[in-house]
Amino acid sequence: MKVGFIGLGIMGKPMAKNLLKAGHSLVVCDFNQNAVAELIALGAESAPNGAAVAQSCSLIITMVPNSPHVRAIALGKDGILDGAKEGTVLIDMSSIDPVESRAIGAELAKKGIEMIDAPVSGGEPKAIDGTISIMCGGKKALFDLYKPLLEVMGGSVVYVGELGAGNVAKLSNQIIVALNIAAVSEAMTLAKKAGVDPQLVFEAIRGGLAGSTVMNAKVPMILDRNFKPGFRVELHIKDLNNALNAGHAVSAPLPLTSQAMEIMQALKSDGLQGEDHCSMVKYYEKLANVVVE
């Protein structure tokens, strides 16, 4: 299958590589010409903008940072809409506001272009090995048609509902991850402040009800003082902002999400927005005057 792929960042580049490995033809587009060159070396073609991608491909995947970027790529000058034919399908794998997903989809539908929102979870390592989780919204028939393609990039591909539902699922995921990291950070800070080895506390509780994938992934990083980003604080701020906006739109109260957002905003104020989101522990360390290690 010939696929357009727009957005070759931390997640998009390995996802595109997995499509190439599976034998699909790609037309790629990104501001980062080094990333484009890397994909060309593996057999992809390149295009200068979304319109040119759409002229070459009837299926286009976008993987960009946030709602405004998707809107610009889909509807802006030299965007997908400018080059697409009726029947073109856009699979937006970015994590954006579901309200905006539906609005963009409605504009595309006026010209006969279909849209699926299919945000992902799992971070760069899972993007590389093709085991990310993909949460999909849109017409069920379209999901069924393109599920095999998505399974090349993901270990779990689940249909959630109509357009926008994929991003609701992703924002729900991001709320749970943020609150897990905050809880782990709070607990490990308590252990350290009380004079108990956080490593032993981790080992004692990880097999019980408190154990989680988040705990297993993030506590070792915290204890090793490894804050190299798998998922940056600034990106999680973006997701929590979208979650709060979506909550406000449907009158769903999100008090714990707002608290997690304030913690991450404090990290940003300290210049830590480029670190891994497990840097949430540094907020607690600063309050308690202790280092969890």
C-alpha atoms as a PDB file:
ATOM      1  CA  MET A   1       0.000   0.000   0.000  1.00  0.00           C
ATOM      2  CA  LYS A   2       1.191   3.525  -0.776  1.00  0.00           C
ATOM      3  CA  VAL A   3       0.949   5.671   2.345  1.00  0.00           C
ATOM      4  CA  GLY A   4       1.639   9.328   2.997  1.00  0.00           C
ATOM      5  CA  PHE A   5       3.316   9.929   6.357  1.00  0.00           C
ATOM      6  CA  ILE A   6       3.572  13.455   7.764  1.00  0.00           C
ATOM      7  CA  GLY A   7       5.532  13.957  10.986  1.00  0.00           C
ATOM      8  CA  LEU A   8       8.842  12.158  11.571  1.00  0.00           C
ATOM      9  CA  GLY A   9       9.523  13.012  15.205  1.00  0.00           C
ATOM     10  CA  ILE A  10      10.405  10.789  18.147  1.00  0.00           C
ATOM     11  CA  MET A  11       7.345   8.615  17.546  1.00  0.00           C
ATOM     12  CA  GLY A  12       6.594   9.167  13.874  1.00  0.00           C
ATOM     13  CA  LYS A  13       9.999   8.215  12.506  1.00  0.00           C
ATOM     14  CA  PRO A  14      10.129   4.684  13.966  1.00  0.00           C
ATOM     15  CA  MET A  15       6.468   4.145  13.096  1.00  0.00           C
ATOM     16  CA  ALA A  16       7.202   5.084   9.484  1.00  0.00           C
ATOM     17  CA  LYS A  17      10.212   2.779   9.479  1.00  0.00           C
ATOM     18  CA  ASN A  18       8.011  -0.122  10.595  1.00  0.00           C
ATOM     19  CA  LEU A  19       5.662   0.513   7.667  1.00  0.00           C
ATOM     20  CA  LEU A  20       8.613   0.407   5.282  1.00  0.00           C
ATOM     21  CA  LYS A  21       9.883  -2.822   6.852  1.00  0.00           C
ATOM     22  CA  ALA A  22       6.448  -4.347   6.279  1.00  0.00           C
ATOM     23  CA  GLY A  23       6.702  -3.574   2.558  1.00  0.00           C
ATOM     24  CA  HIS A  24       4.526  -0.492   2.288  1.00  0.00           C
ATOM     25  CA  SER A  25       5.542   2.409   0.016  1.00  0.00           C
ATOM     26  CA  LEU A  26       5.851   5.746   1.799  1.00  0.00           C
ATOM     27  CA  VAL A  27       5.756   9.385   0.772  1.00  0.00           C
ATOM     28  CA  VAL A  28       7.089  11.324   3.768  1.00  0.00           C
ATOM     29  CA  CYS A  29       7.036  14.965   4.789  1.00  0.00           C
ATOM     30  CA  ASP A  30       8.603  16.789   7.734  1.00  0.00           C
ATOM     31  CA  PHE A  31      10.377  20.070   8.521  1.00  0.00           C
ATOM     32  CA  ASN A  32      13.337  18.020   9.784  1.00  0.00           C
ATOM     33  CA  GLN A  33      15.213  17.228   6.591  1.00  0.00           C
ATOM     34  CA  ASN A  34      17.611  14.899   8.397  1.00  0.00           C
ATOM     35  CA  ALA A  35      14.674  12.692   9.366  1.00  0.00           C
ATOM     36  CA  VAL A  36      13.350  12.838   5.794  1.00  0.00           C
ATOM     37  CA  ALA A  37      16.775  11.858   4.446  1.00  0.00           C
ATOM     38  CA  GLU A  38      16.905   8.922   6.851  1.00  0.00           C
ATOM     39  CA  LEU A  39      13.594   7.597   5.504  1.00  0.00           C
ATOM     40  CA  ILE A  40      14.614   8.224   1.882  1.00  0.00           C
ATOM     41  CA  ALA A  41      17.718   6.114   2.499  1.00  0.00           C
ATOM     42  CA  LEU A  42      15.375   3.282   3.508  1.00  0.00           C
ATOM     43  CA  GLY A  43      13.325   3.573   0.333  1.00  0.00           C
ATOM     44  CA  ALA A  44      10.729   6.269   0.970  1.00  0.00           C
ATOM     45  CA  GLU A  45       9.890   9.159  -1.350  1.00  0.00           C
ATOM     46  CA  SER A  46       9.550  12.713  -0.070  1.00  0.00           C
ATOM     47  CA  ALA A  47       7.084  15.544  -0.661  1.00  0.00           C
ATOM     48  CA  PRO A  48       7.402  19.222   0.270  1.00  0.00           C
ATOM     49  CA  ASN A  49       3.991  19.684   1.901  1.00  0.00           C
ATOM     50  CA  GLY A  50       0.678  18.077   2.747  1.00  0.00           C
ATOM     51  CA  ALA A  51      -0.908  18.952  -0.572  1.00  0.00           C
ATOM     52  CA  ALA A  52       1.868  17.153  -2.462  1.00  0.00           C
ATOM     53  CA  VAL A  53       1.540  14.129  -0.191  1.00  0.00           C
ATOM     54  CA  ALA A  54      -2.211  14.035  -0.834  1.00  0.00           C
ATOM     55  CA  GLN A  55      -1.681  14.242  -4.592  1.00  0.00           C
ATOM     56  CA  SER A  56       0.394  11.057  -4.398  1.00  0.00           C
ATOM     57  CA  CYS A  57      -1.477   9.065  -1.751  1.00  0.00           C
ATOM     58  CA  SER A  58      -5.111   8.271  -0.999  1.00  0.00           C
ATOM     59  CA  LEU A  59      -4.184   7.260   2.565  1.00  0.00           C
ATOM     60  CA  ILE A  60      -2.294   9.722   4.754  1.00  0.00           C
ATOM     61  CA  ILE A  61      -1.032   9.330   8.319  1.00  0.00           C
ATOM     62  CA  THR A  62      -0.202  12.381  10.428  1.00  0.00           C
ATOM     63  CA  MET A  63       1.860  12.251  13.631  1.00  0.00           C
ATOM     64  CA  VAL A  64       2.455  15.795  14.886  1.00  0.00           C
ATOM     65  CA  PRO A  65       2.545  17.546  18.285  1.00  0.00           C
ATOM     66  CA  ASN A  66      -0.885  19.099  18.854  1.00  0.00           C
ATOM     67  CA  SER A  67      -4.249  20.307  17.549  1.00  0.00           C
ATOM     68  CA  PRO A  68      -3.017  23.445  15.722  1.00  0.00           C
ATOM     69  CA  HIS A  69      -0.448  21.394  13.806  1.00  0.00           C
ATOM     70  CA  VAL A  70      -3.077  18.893  12.659  1.00  0.00           C
ATOM     71  CA  ARG A  71      -5.405  21.718  11.611  1.00  0.00           C
ATOM     72  CA  ALA A  72      -2.612  23.406   9.635  1.00  0.00           C
ATOM     73  CA  ILE A  73      -1.566  20.184   7.905  1.00  0.00           C
ATOM     74  CA  ALA A  74      -5.115  19.144   7.105  1.00  0.00           C
ATOM     75  CA  LEU A  75      -6.826  22.448   6.310  1.00  0.00           C
ATOM     76  CA  GLY A  76      -4.137  25.118   5.964  1.00  0.00           C
ATOM     77  CA  LYS A  77      -2.296  26.519   2.951  1.00  0.00           C
ATOM     78  CA  ASP A  78      -0.654  23.706   0.956  1.00  0.00           C
ATOM     79  CA  GLY A  79      -2.327  21.279   3.331  1.00  0.00           C
ATOM     80  CA  ILE A  80      -3.929  17.922   2.679  1.00  0.00           C
ATOM     81  CA  LEU A  81      -7.247  19.465   1.655  1.00  0.00           C
ATOM     82  CA  ASP A  82      -5.526  21.380  -1.155  1.00  0.00           C
ATOM     83  CA  GLY A  83      -4.242  18.208  -2.802  1.00  0.00           C
ATOM     84  CA  ALA A  84      -6.636  15.454  -1.792  1.00  0.00           C
ATOM     85  CA  LYS A  85      -9.186  13.751  -4.018  1.00  0.00           C
ATOM     86  CA  GLU A  86     -12.609  12.640  -2.838  1.00  0.00           C
ATOM     87  CA  GLY A  87     -12.262   9.314  -1.024  1.00  0.00           C
ATOM     88  CA  THR A  88      -8.893  10.167   0.540  1.00  0.00           C
ATOM     89  CA  VAL A  89      -8.531   8.934   4.135  1.00  0.00           C
ATOM     90  CA  LEU A  90      -6.599  10.733   6.875  1.00  0.00           C
ATOM     91  CA  ILE A  91      -5.502   8.724   9.906  1.00  0.00           C
ATOM     92  CA  ASP A  92      -4.382  11.258  12.479  1.00  0.00           C
ATOM     93  CA  MET A  93      -2.201   9.498  15.053  1.00  0.00           C
ATOM     94  CA  SER A  94      -1.368  12.701  16.938  1.00  0.00           C
ATOM     95  CA  SER A  95      -2.645  13.208  20.487  1.00  0.00           C
ATOM     96  CA  ILE A  96      -4.982  16.194  20.285  1.00  0.00           C
ATOM     97  CA  ASP A  97      -8.191  17.647  21.687  1.00  0.00           C
ATOM     98  CA  PRO A  98     -11.101  15.367  20.651  1.00  0.00           C
ATOM     99  CA  VAL A  99     -13.310  18.418  20.096  1.00  0.00           C
ATOM    100  CA  GLU A 100     -10.799  19.614  17.509  1.00  0.00           C
ATOM    101  CA  SER A 101     -10.572  16.141  15.934  1.00  0.00           C
ATOM    102  CA  ARG A 102     -14.296  16.253  15.273  1.00  0.00           C
ATOM    103  CA  ALA A 103     -14.126  19.824  13.932  1.00  0.00           C
ATOM    104  CA  ILE A 104     -11.287  19.009  11.529  1.00  0.00           C
ATOM    105  CA  GLY A 105     -13.053  15.842  10.445  1.00  0.00           C
ATOM    106  CA  ALA A 106     -16.218  17.801   9.704  1.00  0.00           C
ATOM    107  CA  GLU A 107     -14.324  20.221   7.455  1.00  0.00           C
ATOM    108  CA  LEU A 108     -12.633  17.383   5.575  1.00  0.00           C
ATOM    109  CA  ALA A 109     -15.947  15.558   5.153  1.00  0.00           C
ATOM    110  CA  LYS A 110     -17.331  18.524   3.179  1.00  0.00           C
ATOM    111  CA  LYS A 111     -14.837  17.581   0.425  1.00  0.00           C
ATOM    112  CA  GLY A 112     -15.405  13.836   0.701  1.00  0.00           C
ATOM    113  CA  ILE A 113     -12.319  13.115   2.809  1.00  0.00           C
ATOM    114  CA  GLU A 114     -12.683  10.629   5.671  1.00  0.00           C
ATOM    115  CA  MET A 115     -10.803  10.880   8.977  1.00  0.00           C
ATOM    116  CA  ILE A 116      -9.859   8.481  11.757  1.00  0.00           C
ATOM    117  CA  ASP A 117      -8.275   9.641  14.996  1.00  0.00           C
ATOM    118  CA  ALA A 118      -5.812   7.031  16.221  1.00  0.00           C
ATOM    119  CA  PRO A 119      -3.548   8.396  18.986  1.00  0.00           C
ATOM    120  CA  VAL A 120      -0.922   6.130  20.497  1.00  0.00           C
ATOM    121  CA  SER A 121       0.596   5.272  23.860  1.00  0.00           C
ATOM    122  CA  GLY A 122       3.826   3.539  24.790  1.00  0.00           C
ATOM    123  CA  GLY A 123       6.657   5.968  24.088  1.00  0.00           C
ATOM    124  CA  GLU A 124       9.649   5.738  21.785  1.00  0.00           C
ATOM    125  CA  PRO A 125      10.815   2.200  22.727  1.00  0.00           C
ATOM    126  CA  LYS A 126       7.447   0.711  21.823  1.00  0.00           C
ATOM    127  CA  ALA A 127       7.266   2.828  18.666  1.00  0.00           C
ATOM    128  CA  ILE A 128      10.600   1.333  17.631  1.00  0.00           C
ATOM    129  CA  ASP A 129       9.602  -2.281  18.251  1.00  0.00           C
ATOM    130  CA  GLY A 130       6.077  -1.835  16.880  1.00  0.00           C
ATOM    131  CA  THR A 131       4.182  -2.532  20.109  1.00  0.00           C
ATOM    132  CA  ILE A 132       2.506   0.806  20.852  1.00  0.00           C
ATOM    133  CA  SER A 133      -1.158   0.874  21.854  1.00  0.00           C
ATOM    134  CA  ILE A 134      -3.410   2.543  19.279  1.00  0.00           C
ATOM    135  CA  MET A 135      -6.846   3.891  20.223  1.00  0.00           C
ATOM    136  CA  CYS A 136      -9.125   4.545  17.261  1.00  0.00           C
ATOM    137  CA  GLY A 137     -12.185   6.661  16.585  1.00  0.00           C
ATOM    138  CA  GLY A 138     -14.111   7.023  13.344  1.00  0.00           C
ATOM    139  CA  LYS A 139     -16.338   4.930  11.104  1.00  0.00           C
ATOM    140  CA  LYS A 140     -16.128   1.258  12.086  1.00  0.00           C
ATOM    141  CA  ALA A 141     -15.879   0.161   8.448  1.00  0.00           C
ATOM    142  CA  LEU A 142     -12.822   2.364   7.940  1.00  0.00           C
ATOM    143  CA  PHE A 143     -11.243   1.030  11.130  1.00  0.00           C
ATOM    144  CA  ASP A 144     -11.781  -2.547   9.970  1.00  0.00           C
ATOM    145  CA  LEU A 145     -10.243  -1.736   6.584  1.00  0.00           C
ATOM    146  CA  TYR A 146      -7.082  -0.173   7.979  1.00  0.00           C
ATOM    147  CA  LYS A 147      -6.628  -2.194  11.165  1.00  0.00           C
ATOM    148  CA  PRO A 148      -4.046  -4.527   9.527  1.00  0.00           C
ATOM    149  CA  LEU A 149      -1.964  -1.488   8.549  1.00  0.00           C
ATOM    150  CA  LEU A 150      -2.154  -0.085  12.083  1.00  0.00           C
ATOM    151  CA  GLU A 151      -1.145  -3.474  13.498  1.00  0.00           C
ATOM    152  CA  VAL A 152       2.194  -3.099  11.702  1.00  0.00           C
ATOM    153  CA  MET A 153       2.921  -0.217  14.089  1.00  0.00           C
ATOM    154  CA  GLY A 154       1.050  -1.344  17.206  1.00  0.00           C
ATOM    155  CA  GLY A 155       0.735  -4.326  19.484  1.00  0.00           C
ATOM    156  CA  SER A 156      -2.776  -3.283  20.519  1.00  0.00           C
ATOM    157  CA  VAL A 157      -5.217  -1.660  18.090  1.00  0.00           C
ATOM    158  CA  VAL A 158      -8.645  -1.009  19.614  1.00  0.00           C
ATOM    159  CA  TYR A 159     -11.754   0.626  18.172  1.00  0.00           C
ATOM    160  CA  VAL A 160     -13.275   2.995  20.754  1.00  0.00           C
ATOM    161  CA  GLY A 161     -16.124   4.716  18.900  1.00  0.00           C
ATOM    162  CA  GLU A 162     -16.915   7.589  16.554  1.00  0.00           C
ATOM    163  CA  LEU A 163     -14.417  10.241  15.498  1.00  0.00           C
ATOM    164  CA  GLY A 164     -12.827  11.837  18.564  1.00  0.00           C
ATOM    165  CA  ALA A 165     -13.252   8.744  20.733  1.00  0.00           C
ATOM    166  CA  GLY A 166      -9.653   7.708  20.130  1.00  0.00           C
ATOM    167  CA  ASN A 167      -8.405  10.950  21.618  1.00  0.00           C
ATOM    168  CA  VAL A 168     -10.807  10.661  24.564  1.00  0.00           C
ATOM    169  CA  ALA A 169      -9.223   7.283  25.293  1.00  0.00           C
ATOM    170  CA  LYS A 170      -5.719   8.725  24.932  1.00  0.00           C
ATOM    171  CA  LEU A 171      -6.454  11.616  27.282  1.00  0.00           C
ATOM    172  CA  SER A 172      -7.900   9.156  29.789  1.00  0.00           C
ATOM    173  CA  ASN A 173      -4.637   7.217  29.514  1.00  0.00           C
ATOM    174  CA  GLN A 174      -2.588  10.364  30.096  1.00  0.00           C
ATOM    175  CA  ILE A 175      -4.610  11.284  33.177  1.00  0.00           C
ATOM    176  CA  ILE A 176      -3.997   7.852  34.686  1.00  0.00           C
ATOM    177  CA  VAL A 177      -0.266   7.932  33.865  1.00  0.00           C
ATOM    178  CA  ALA A 178       0.211  11.416  35.345  1.00  0.00           C
ATOM    179  CA  LEU A 179      -1.645  10.555  38.543  1.00  0.00           C
ATOM    180  CA  ASN A 180       0.295   7.279  38.877  1.00  0.00           C
ATOM    181  CA  ILE A 181       3.613   9.106  38.589  1.00  0.00           C
ATOM    182  CA  ALA A 182       2.472  11.701  41.111  1.00  0.00           C
ATOM    183  CA  ALA A 183       1.379   9.000  43.565  1.00  0.00           C
ATOM    184  CA  VAL A 184       4.630   7.051  43.137  1.00  0.00           C
ATOM    185  CA  SER A 185       6.649  10.246  43.599  1.00  0.00           C
ATOM    186  CA  GLU A 186       4.733  11.162  46.739  1.00  0.00           C
ATOM    187  CA  ALA A 187       5.135   7.679  48.217  1.00  0.00           C
ATOM    188  CA  MET A 188       8.852   7.385  47.436  1.00  0.00           C
ATOM    189  CA  THR A 189       9.457  10.829  48.931  1.00  0.00           C
ATOM    190  CA  LEU A 190       7.673   9.715  52.102  1.00  0.00           C
ATOM    191  CA  ALA A 191       9.847   6.601  52.276  1.00  0.00           C
ATOM    192  CA  LYS A 192      13.062   8.560  51.858  1.00  0.00           C
ATOM    193  CA  LYS A 193      12.046  11.250  54.346  1.00  0.00           C
ATOM    194  CA  ALA A 194      11.098   8.556  56.883  1.00  0.00           C
ATOM    195  CA  GLY A 195      14.532   6.938  56.583  1.00  0.00           C
ATOM    196  CA  VAL A 196      13.382   3.826  54.693  1.00  0.00           C
ATOM    197  CA  ASP A 197      15.149   2.695  51.507  1.00  0.00           C
ATOM    198  CA  PRO A 198      12.840   3.579  48.571  1.00  0.00           C
ATOM    199  CA  GLN A 199      14.238   0.658  46.570  1.00  0.00           C
ATOM    200  CA  LEU A 200      13.116  -1.793  49.246  1.00  0.00           C
ATOM    201  CA  VAL A 201       9.715  -0.110  49.513  1.00  0.00           C
ATOM    202  CA  PHE A 202       9.356  -0.476  45.741  1.00  0.00           C
ATOM    203  CA  GLU A 203      10.258  -4.155  45.906  1.00  0.00           C
ATOM    204  CA  ALA A 204       7.858  -4.721  48.804  1.00  0.00           C
ATOM    205  CA  ILE A 205       4.788  -3.181  47.144  1.00  0.00           C
ATOM    206  CA  ARG A 206       5.261  -3.739  43.413  1.00  0.00           C
ATOM    207  CA  GLY A 207       3.665  -7.200  43.502  1.00  0.00           C
ATOM    208  CA  GLY A 208       0.560  -6.045  45.371  1.00  0.00           C
ATOM    209  CA  LEU A 209      -2.457  -3.973  44.481  1.00  0.00           C
ATOM    210  CA  ALA A 210      -0.366  -0.801  44.231  1.00  0.00           C
ATOM    211  CA  GLY A 211       1.847  -2.322  41.566  1.00  0.00           C
ATOM    212  CA  SER A 212       1.493  -0.961  38.023  1.00  0.00           C
ATOM    213  CA  THR A 213       3.225  -0.691  34.682  1.00  0.00           C
ATOM    214  CA  VAL A 214       3.880   2.964  35.478  1.00  0.00           C
ATOM    215  CA  MET A 215       5.524   2.081  38.795  1.00  0.00           C
ATOM    216  CA  ASN A 216       7.707  -0.589  37.205  1.00  0.00           C
ATOM    217  CA  ALA A 217       8.815   1.776  34.447  1.00  0.00           C
ATOM    218  CA  LYS A 218       9.330   4.976  36.417  1.00  0.00           C
ATOM    219  CA  VAL A 219      10.578   4.063  39.917  1.00  0.00           C
ATOM    220  CA  PRO A 220      13.865   2.556  38.607  1.00  0.00           C
ATOM    221  CA  MET A 221      14.422   5.751  36.596  1.00  0.00           C
ATOM    222  CA  ILE A 222      13.767   7.907  39.660  1.00  0.00           C
ATOM    223  CA  LEU A 223      16.074   5.884  41.880  1.00  0.00           C
ATOM    224  CA  ASP A 224      18.829   5.963  39.236  1.00  0.00           C
ATOM    225  CA  ARG A 225      18.314   9.740  38.783  1.00  0.00           C
ATOM    226  CA  ASN A 226      17.671   9.055  35.108  1.00  0.00           C
ATOM    227  CA  PHE A 227      15.440  11.790  33.738  1.00  0.00           C
ATOM    228  CA  LYS A 228      16.309  11.328  30.077  1.00  0.00           C
ATOM    229  CA  PRO A 229      12.974  11.808  28.330  1.00  0.00           C
ATOM    230  CA  GLY A 230      10.952   8.894  27.139  1.00  0.00           C
ATOM    231  CA  PHE A 231       8.002  11.284  27.362  1.00  0.00           C
ATOM    232  CA  ARG A 232       8.754  14.913  28.105  1.00  0.00           C
ATOM    233  CA  VAL A 233       7.063  16.979  30.798  1.00  0.00           C
ATOM    234  CA  GLU A 234       6.109  19.593  28.197  1.00  0.00           C
ATOM    235  CA  LEU A 235       4.262  16.999  26.126  1.00  0.00           C
ATOM    236  CA  HIS A 236       2.383  15.744  29.153  1.00  0.00           C
ATOM    237  CA  ILE A 237       1.410  19.336  29.944  1.00  0.00           C
ATOM    238  CA  LYS A 238      -0.022  19.545  26.419  1.00  0.00           C
ATOM    239  CA  ASP A 239      -2.033  16.362  26.943  1.00  0.00           C
ATOM    240  CA  LEU A 240      -3.362  17.406  30.347  1.00  0.00           C
ATOM    241  CA  ASN A 241      -4.350  20.774  28.919  1.00  0.00           C
ATOM    242  CA  ASN A 242      -6.312  18.962  26.196  1.00  0.00           C
ATOM    243  CA  ALA A 243      -7.866  16.714  28.854  1.00  0.00           C
ATOM    244  CA  LEU A 244      -8.972  19.706  30.919  1.00  0.00           C
ATOM    245  CA  ASN A 245     -10.383  21.422  27.832  1.00  0.00           C
ATOM    246  CA  ALA A 246     -12.280  18.263  26.865  1.00  0.00           C
ATOM    247  CA  GLY A 247     -13.553  17.899  30.422  1.00  0.00           C
ATOM    248  CA  HIS A 248     -14.808  21.465  30.464  1.00  0.00           C
ATOM    249  CA  ALA A 249     -16.539  20.933  27.116  1.00  0.00           C
ATOM    250  CA  VAL A 250     -18.662  18.087  28.515  1.00  0.00           C
ATOM    251  CA  SER A 251     -18.879  19.329  32.132  1.00  0.00           C
ATOM    252  CA  ALA A 252     -16.725  16.488  33.503  1.00  0.00           C
ATOM    253  CA  PRO A 253     -14.874  17.608  36.658  1.00  0.00           C
ATOM    254  CA  LEU A 254     -11.165  16.663  36.651  1.00  0.00           C
ATOM    255  CA  PRO A 255      -9.805  17.886  40.004  1.00  0.00           C
ATOM    256  CA  LEU A 256      -6.897  15.437  40.252  1.00  0.00           C
ATOM    257  CA  THR A 257      -5.900  16.162  36.656  1.00  0.00           C
ATOM    258  CA  SER A 258      -5.739  19.861  37.481  1.00  0.00           C
ATOM    259  CA  GLN A 259      -3.451  19.115  40.438  1.00  0.00           C
ATOM    260  CA  ALA A 260      -1.131  17.041  38.255  1.00  0.00           C
ATOM    261  CA  MET A 261      -1.094  19.894  35.755  1.00  0.00           C
ATOM    262  CA  GLU A 262      -0.024  22.355  38.473  1.00  0.00           C
ATOM    263  CA  ILE A 263       2.838  20.048  39.499  1.00  0.00           C
ATOM    264  CA  MET A 264       4.034  19.860  35.905  1.00  0.00           C
ATOM    265  CA  GLN A 265       3.701  23.612  35.474  1.00  0.00           C
ATOM    266  CA  ALA A 266       5.923  24.023  38.543  1.00  0.00           C
ATOM    267  CA  LEU A 267       8.498  21.754  36.887  1.00  0.00           C
ATOM    268  CA  LYS A 268       8.303  23.886  33.757  1.00  0.00           C
ATOM    269  CA  SER A 269       8.922  26.995  35.874  1.00  0.00           C
ATOM    270  CA  ASP A 270      12.076  25.298  37.147  1.00  0.00           C
ATOM    271  CA  GLY A 271      13.248  24.671  33.575  1.00  0.00           C
ATOM    272  CA  LEU A 272      12.558  20.929  33.644  1.00  0.00           C
ATOM    273  CA  GLN A 273      10.034  20.781  30.807  1.00  0.00           C
ATOM    274  CA  GLY A 274      12.434  18.808  28.603  1.00  0.00           C
ATOM    275  CA  GLU A 275      12.934  16.036  31.166  1.00  0.00           C
ATOM    276  CA  ASP A 276      10.991  12.789  31.471  1.00  0.00           C
ATOM    277  CA  HIS A 277       7.640  13.117  33.228  1.00  0.00           C
ATOM    278  CA  CYS A 278       8.985  11.057  36.135  1.00  0.00           C
ATOM    279  CA  SER A 279      10.652  14.358  37.082  1.00  0.00           C
ATOM    280  CA  MET A 280       7.410  14.939  38.966  1.00  0.00           C
ATOM    281  CA  VAL A 281       9.373  13.488  41.888  1.00  0.00           C
ATOM    282  CA  LYS A 282      11.501  16.651  41.880  1.00  0.00           C
ATOM    283  CA  TYR A 283       8.446  18.687  42.863  1.00  0.00           C
ATOM    284  CA  TYR A 284       8.051  16.571  45.988  1.00  0.00           C
ATOM    285  CA  GLU A 285      11.787  16.537  46.662  1.00  0.00           C
ATOM    286  CA  LYS A 286      11.826  20.313  46.599  1.00  0.00           C
ATOM    287  CA  LEU A 287       8.968  20.497  49.123  1.00  0.00           C
ATOM    288  CA  ALA A 288      10.495  17.852  51.413  1.00  0.00           C
ATOM    289  CA  ASN A 289      14.153  18.905  50.989  1.00  0.00           C
ATOM    290  CA  VAL A 290      15.219  15.363  50.180  1.00  0.00           C
ATOM    291  CA  VAL A 291      16.538  13.430  47.172  1.00  0.00           C
ATOM    292  CA  VAL A 292      14.893  10.111  46.322  1.00  0.00           C
ATOM    293  CA  GLU A 293      17.666   7.752  45.273  1.00  0.00           C
END
